[in-house]
Amino acid sequence: MPLEALASFDRWTRNAGVYWCALVTGVGALVIARLMLRGKLGLALMSVRDSEAAAAASGVSIQRAKLALWVIAGSITGLAGAVAYMNTLQVTPDATFSLNWSAAAIFIAVLGGIGTLEGPILGTILYFVLRESFATYGSWYFIGLGSLAIATMVFAPGGAWSLVTRRWAIDPFGVRRDMPRR
């Protein structure tokens, strides 16, 4: 299905619009994630993650927390998909559901660090630097990316962000919750 409404814009204007929409979507997703994690929903989701039975016994509505997370994640993902389709001017399943998109997303999450807000940001930066630096090596590029992902999982299971937090005690988004010390 073609996106005819955007076809009337020249390429530079359309690319600038896609860039700004992507930036707003990314920053907005980070803001929403931070607000969610620092609020009551974040505490509910952490308790559900740790033990559904204990969360239910503590009065957490498990279904409500999961539904809220699903709606928020689905909305942000749909918005990101709309921005991606703005770039291609064509809505086709293979444009965003290809193996390349899935592999890149998994690689970014593994390389940067799963379970953090900072990890995917760092993973995205590392992925694009690697892609631009080594893409001319053909199939060796993919072998190198796979080897790097395996090495990351073995030597730094928390991703590159875990290496940063091991050395420095930083939390840029302020979402870590530690147990109180006695």
C-alpha atoms as a PDB file:
ATOM      1  CA  MET A   1       0.000   0.000   0.000  1.00  0.00           C
ATOM      2  CA  PRO A   2       1.658   3.255  -1.052  1.00  0.00           C
ATOM      3  CA  LEU A   3       1.686   6.330   1.178  1.00  0.00           C
ATOM      4  CA  GLU A   4       0.612   8.853  -1.423  1.00  0.00           C
ATOM      5  CA  ALA A   5       0.147  11.750   1.004  1.00  0.00           C
ATOM      6  CA  LEU A   6       3.902  11.957   1.650  1.00  0.00           C
ATOM      7  CA  ALA A   7       4.919  11.457  -1.984  1.00  0.00           C
ATOM      8  CA  SER A   8       4.191  15.116  -2.757  1.00  0.00           C
ATOM      9  CA  PHE A   9       7.084  16.262  -0.508  1.00  0.00           C
ATOM     10  CA  ASP A  10      10.569  16.460  -1.976  1.00  0.00           C
ATOM     11  CA  ARG A  11      13.073  13.891  -0.684  1.00  0.00           C
ATOM     12  CA  TRP A  12      15.030  16.311   1.545  1.00  0.00           C
ATOM     13  CA  THR A  13      11.897  17.616   3.288  1.00  0.00           C
ATOM     14  CA  ARG A  14      10.538  14.094   3.764  1.00  0.00           C
ATOM     15  CA  ASN A  15      13.866  12.833   5.168  1.00  0.00           C
ATOM     16  CA  ALA A  16      14.031  15.789   7.555  1.00  0.00           C
ATOM     17  CA  GLY A  17      10.469  15.078   8.691  1.00  0.00           C
ATOM     18  CA  VAL A  18      11.257  11.388   9.212  1.00  0.00           C
ATOM     19  CA  TYR A  19      14.376  12.300  11.182  1.00  0.00           C
ATOM     20  CA  TRP A  20      12.532  14.680  13.511  1.00  0.00           C
ATOM     21  CA  CYS A  21       9.606  12.277  13.947  1.00  0.00           C
ATOM     22  CA  ALA A  22      12.035   9.468  14.783  1.00  0.00           C
ATOM     23  CA  LEU A  23      13.869  11.683  17.265  1.00  0.00           C
ATOM     24  CA  VAL A  24      10.622  12.730  18.969  1.00  0.00           C
ATOM     25  CA  THR A  25       9.431   9.095  19.046  1.00  0.00           C
ATOM     26  CA  GLY A  26      12.717   7.871  20.555  1.00  0.00           C
ATOM     27  CA  VAL A  27      12.968  10.598  23.174  1.00  0.00           C
ATOM     28  CA  GLY A  28       9.262  10.274  23.948  1.00  0.00           C
ATOM     29  CA  ALA A  29       9.641   6.510  24.420  1.00  0.00           C
ATOM     30  CA  LEU A  30      12.521   7.082  26.845  1.00  0.00           C
ATOM     31  CA  VAL A  31      10.547   9.678  28.808  1.00  0.00           C
ATOM     32  CA  ILE A  32       7.498   7.423  29.010  1.00  0.00           C
ATOM     33  CA  ALA A  33       9.623   4.429  30.038  1.00  0.00           C
ATOM     34  CA  ARG A  34      11.348   6.440  32.750  1.00  0.00           C
ATOM     35  CA  LEU A  35       8.091   7.837  34.105  1.00  0.00           C
ATOM     36  CA  MET A  36       6.533   4.392  34.031  1.00  0.00           C
ATOM     37  CA  LEU A  37       9.477   2.709  35.764  1.00  0.00           C
ATOM     38  CA  ARG A  38       9.713   5.370  38.479  1.00  0.00           C
ATOM     39  CA  GLY A  39       5.978   5.223  39.209  1.00  0.00           C
ATOM     40  CA  LYS A  40       3.559   2.760  40.747  1.00  0.00           C
ATOM     41  CA  LEU A  41       3.318   0.773  37.519  1.00  0.00           C
ATOM     42  CA  GLY A  42       7.086   0.213  37.530  1.00  0.00           C
ATOM     43  CA  LEU A  43       6.993  -1.104  41.078  1.00  0.00           C
ATOM     44  CA  ALA A  44       4.067  -3.347  40.188  1.00  0.00           C
ATOM     45  CA  LEU A  45       5.862  -4.715  37.124  1.00  0.00           C
ATOM     46  CA  MET A  46       9.060  -5.368  39.092  1.00  0.00           C
ATOM     47  CA  SER A  47       7.108  -7.250  41.735  1.00  0.00           C
ATOM     48  CA  VAL A  48       5.294  -9.262  39.044  1.00  0.00           C
ATOM     49  CA  ARG A  49       8.656 -10.023  37.414  1.00  0.00           C
ATOM     50  CA  ASP A  50      10.118 -11.264  40.681  1.00  0.00           C
ATOM     51  CA  SER A  51       7.124 -13.310  41.858  1.00  0.00           C
ATOM     52  CA  GLU A  52       3.551 -13.162  40.610  1.00  0.00           C
ATOM     53  CA  ALA A  53       2.274 -14.917  43.712  1.00  0.00           C
ATOM     54  CA  ALA A  54       4.012 -12.464  46.050  1.00  0.00           C
ATOM     55  CA  ALA A  55       2.826  -9.518  43.954  1.00  0.00           C
ATOM     56  CA  ALA A  56      -0.774 -10.732  44.080  1.00  0.00           C
ATOM     57  CA  ALA A  57      -0.487 -11.298  47.842  1.00  0.00           C
ATOM     58  CA  SER A  58       0.773  -7.709  48.201  1.00  0.00           C
ATOM     59  CA  GLY A  59      -2.291  -6.339  46.429  1.00  0.00           C
ATOM     60  CA  VAL A  60      -0.839  -5.811  42.940  1.00  0.00           C
ATOM     61  CA  SER A  61      -3.372  -6.259  40.153  1.00  0.00           C
ATOM     62  CA  ILE A  62      -1.264  -8.480  37.897  1.00  0.00           C
ATOM     63  CA  GLN A  63      -3.604  -8.392  34.898  1.00  0.00           C
ATOM     64  CA  ARG A  64      -3.980  -4.627  35.098  1.00  0.00           C
ATOM     65  CA  ALA A  65      -0.184  -4.093  35.253  1.00  0.00           C
ATOM     66  CA  LYS A  66       0.414  -6.427  32.310  1.00  0.00           C
ATOM     67  CA  LEU A  67      -2.357  -4.837  30.268  1.00  0.00           C
ATOM     68  CA  ALA A  68      -1.038  -1.333  30.947  1.00  0.00           C
ATOM     69  CA  LEU A  69       2.453  -2.375  29.874  1.00  0.00           C
ATOM     70  CA  TRP A  70       1.087  -4.067  26.744  1.00  0.00           C
ATOM     71  CA  VAL A  71      -0.914  -0.988  25.727  1.00  0.00           C
ATOM     72  CA  ILE A  72       2.023   1.387  26.323  1.00  0.00           C
ATOM     73  CA  ALA A  73       4.518  -0.836  24.482  1.00  0.00           C
ATOM     74  CA  GLY A  74       2.084  -1.428  21.608  1.00  0.00           C
ATOM     75  CA  SER A  75       1.411   2.283  21.211  1.00  0.00           C
ATOM     76  CA  ILE A  76       5.088   3.202  21.113  1.00  0.00           C
ATOM     77  CA  THR A  77       5.877   0.342  18.743  1.00  0.00           C
ATOM     78  CA  GLY A  78       3.030   1.352  16.427  1.00  0.00           C
ATOM     79  CA  LEU A  79       4.270   4.932  16.382  1.00  0.00           C
ATOM     80  CA  ALA A  80       7.806   3.763  15.574  1.00  0.00           C
ATOM     81  CA  GLY A  81       6.428   1.579  12.775  1.00  0.00           C
ATOM     82  CA  ALA A  82       4.530   4.535  11.333  1.00  0.00           C
ATOM     83  CA  VAL A  83       7.728   6.585  11.270  1.00  0.00           C
ATOM     84  CA  ALA A  84       9.577   3.714   9.570  1.00  0.00           C
ATOM     85  CA  TYR A  85       6.889   3.493   6.891  1.00  0.00           C
ATOM     86  CA  MET A  86       7.096   7.263   6.377  1.00  0.00           C
ATOM     87  CA  ASN A  87      10.659   6.655   5.235  1.00  0.00           C
ATOM     88  CA  THR A  88       9.814   3.929   2.694  1.00  0.00           C
ATOM     89  CA  LEU A  89       6.554   5.476   1.410  1.00  0.00           C
ATOM     90  CA  GLN A  90       5.200   1.950   1.141  1.00  0.00           C
ATOM     91  CA  VAL A  91       3.468  -0.243   3.720  1.00  0.00           C
ATOM     92  CA  THR A  92       4.602  -3.821   3.098  1.00  0.00           C
ATOM     93  CA  PRO A  93       5.174  -6.677   5.541  1.00  0.00           C
ATOM     94  CA  ASP A  94       8.733  -7.300   4.392  1.00  0.00           C
ATOM     95  CA  ALA A  95       9.712  -3.683   5.013  1.00  0.00           C
ATOM     96  CA  THR A  96       9.596  -4.042   8.810  1.00  0.00           C
ATOM     97  CA  PHE A  97       9.105  -7.728   9.479  1.00  0.00           C
ATOM     98  CA  SER A  98      12.203  -8.946   7.651  1.00  0.00           C
ATOM     99  CA  LEU A  99      14.925 -11.021   9.234  1.00  0.00           C
ATOM    100  CA  ASN A 100      17.343  -8.078   8.994  1.00  0.00           C
ATOM    101  CA  TRP A 101      15.186  -5.919  11.296  1.00  0.00           C
ATOM    102  CA  SER A 102      14.762  -8.705  13.834  1.00  0.00           C
ATOM    103  CA  ALA A 103      18.459  -9.602  13.825  1.00  0.00           C
ATOM    104  CA  ALA A 104      19.519  -5.961  14.211  1.00  0.00           C
ATOM    105  CA  ALA A 105      17.100  -5.417  17.120  1.00  0.00           C
ATOM    106  CA  ILE A 106      18.307  -8.536  18.929  1.00  0.00           C
ATOM    107  CA  PHE A 107      21.946  -7.665  18.296  1.00  0.00           C
ATOM    108  CA  ILE A 108      21.458  -4.116  19.598  1.00  0.00           C
ATOM    109  CA  ALA A 109      19.758  -5.368  22.762  1.00  0.00           C
ATOM    110  CA  VAL A 110      22.398  -8.049  23.431  1.00  0.00           C
ATOM    111  CA  LEU A 111      25.340  -5.763  22.686  1.00  0.00           C
ATOM    112  CA  GLY A 112      24.052  -2.809  24.720  1.00  0.00           C
ATOM    113  CA  GLY A 113      22.405  -4.612  27.582  1.00  0.00           C
ATOM    114  CA  ILE A 114      18.990  -6.123  28.149  1.00  0.00           C
ATOM    115  CA  GLY A 115      16.813  -4.790  30.942  1.00  0.00           C
ATOM    116  CA  THR A 116      18.133  -1.232  31.016  1.00  0.00           C
ATOM    117  CA  LEU A 117      17.189   2.016  29.313  1.00  0.00           C
ATOM    118  CA  GLU A 118      20.813   2.923  28.664  1.00  0.00           C
ATOM    119  CA  GLY A 119      21.795  -0.416  27.108  1.00  0.00           C
ATOM    120  CA  PRO A 120      19.799  -0.156  23.870  1.00  0.00           C
ATOM    121  CA  ILE A 121      21.014   3.422  23.356  1.00  0.00           C
ATOM    122  CA  LEU A 122      24.635   2.301  23.700  1.00  0.00           C
ATOM    123  CA  GLY A 123      23.917  -0.810  21.618  1.00  0.00           C
ATOM    124  CA  THR A 124      22.414   1.291  18.822  1.00  0.00           C
ATOM    125  CA  ILE A 125      25.438   3.580  18.736  1.00  0.00           C
ATOM    126  CA  LEU A 126      27.837   0.616  18.689  1.00  0.00           C
ATOM    127  CA  TYR A 127      25.797  -1.206  16.038  1.00  0.00           C
ATOM    128  CA  PHE A 128      25.732   1.743  13.633  1.00  0.00           C
ATOM    129  CA  VAL A 129      29.438   2.462  14.149  1.00  0.00           C
ATOM    130  CA  LEU A 130      30.236  -1.189  13.412  1.00  0.00           C
ATOM    131  CA  ARG A 131      27.879  -1.269  10.436  1.00  0.00           C
ATOM    132  CA  GLU A 132      29.358   1.846   8.857  1.00  0.00           C
ATOM    133  CA  SER A 133      32.941   0.768   9.569  1.00  0.00           C
ATOM    134  CA  PHE A 134      32.812  -2.865   8.482  1.00  0.00           C
ATOM    135  CA  ALA A 135      29.892  -3.233   6.055  1.00  0.00           C
ATOM    136  CA  THR A 136      32.254  -3.391   3.066  1.00  0.00           C
ATOM    137  CA  TYR A 137      33.664  -6.725   4.257  1.00  0.00           C
ATOM    138  CA  GLY A 138      30.654  -8.663   2.923  1.00  0.00           C
ATOM    139  CA  SER A 139      29.824 -11.887   4.710  1.00  0.00           C
ATOM    140  CA  TRP A 140      32.791 -11.445   7.076  1.00  0.00           C
ATOM    141  CA  TYR A 141      30.912  -8.484   8.537  1.00  0.00           C
ATOM    142  CA  PHE A 142      28.050 -10.764   9.619  1.00  0.00           C
ATOM    143  CA  ILE A 143      30.455 -13.359  10.971  1.00  0.00           C
ATOM    144  CA  GLY A 144      32.139 -10.613  12.991  1.00  0.00           C
ATOM    145  CA  LEU A 145      28.798  -9.346  14.335  1.00  0.00           C
ATOM    146  CA  GLY A 146      27.789 -12.864  15.359  1.00  0.00           C
ATOM    147  CA  SER A 147      31.147 -13.457  17.033  1.00  0.00           C
ATOM    148  CA  LEU A 148      30.854 -10.147  18.890  1.00  0.00           C
ATOM    149  CA  ALA A 149      27.346 -11.060  20.084  1.00  0.00           C
ATOM    150  CA  ILE A 150      28.586 -14.438  21.357  1.00  0.00           C
ATOM    151  CA  ALA A 151      31.584 -12.828  23.078  1.00  0.00           C
ATOM    152  CA  THR A 152      29.283 -10.253  24.679  1.00  0.00           C
ATOM    153  CA  MET A 153      26.962 -12.961  26.023  1.00  0.00           C
ATOM    154  CA  VAL A 154      29.891 -14.952  27.429  1.00  0.00           C
ATOM    155  CA  PHE A 155      32.091 -12.189  28.866  1.00  0.00           C
ATOM    156  CA  ALA A 156      29.551  -9.438  29.601  1.00  0.00           C
ATOM    157  CA  PRO A 157      26.078 -11.000  29.896  1.00  0.00           C
ATOM    158  CA  GLY A 158      24.646  -7.611  30.886  1.00  0.00           C
ATOM    159  CA  GLY A 159      25.949  -6.051  27.666  1.00  0.00           C
ATOM    160  CA  ALA A 160      28.247  -3.081  27.192  1.00  0.00           C
ATOM    161  CA  TRP A 161      26.275  -1.024  29.703  1.00  0.00           C
ATOM    162  CA  SER A 162      27.097  -3.537  32.455  1.00  0.00           C
ATOM    163  CA  LEU A 163      30.798  -2.922  31.769  1.00  0.00           C
ATOM    164  CA  VAL A 164      30.218   0.802  32.273  1.00  0.00           C
ATOM    165  CA  THR A 165      28.280   0.343  35.526  1.00  0.00           C
ATOM    166  CA  ARG A 166      30.887  -2.051  36.905  1.00  0.00           C
ATOM    167  CA  ARG A 167      33.490   0.686  36.660  1.00  0.00           C
ATOM    168  CA  TRP A 168      31.381   3.735  37.531  1.00  0.00           C
ATOM    169  CA  ALA A 169      28.235   3.903  39.676  1.00  0.00           C
ATOM    170  CA  ILE A 170      26.106   5.942  37.287  1.00  0.00           C
ATOM    171  CA  ASP A 171      22.390   5.857  36.560  1.00  0.00           C
ATOM    172  CA  PRO A 172      21.575   8.575  34.007  1.00  0.00           C
ATOM    173  CA  PHE A 173      17.844   7.896  33.915  1.00  0.00           C
ATOM    174  CA  GLY A 174      17.466   7.313  37.643  1.00  0.00           C
ATOM    175  CA  VAL A 175      15.424   4.127  37.358  1.00  0.00           C
ATOM    176  CA  ARG A 176      17.516   1.733  39.443  1.00  0.00           C
ATOM    177  CA  ARG A 177      15.923   0.705  42.683  1.00  0.00           C
ATOM    178  CA  ASP A 178      18.224  -0.814  45.264  1.00  0.00           C
ATOM    179  CA  MET A 179      17.274  -2.513  48.473  1.00  0.00           C
ATOM    180  CA  PRO A 180      17.639  -0.240  51.491  1.00  0.00           C
ATOM    181  CA  ARG A 181      20.767  -0.892  53.554  1.00  0.00           C
ATOM    182  CA  ARG A 182      20.545  -1.396  57.280  1.00  0.00           C
END
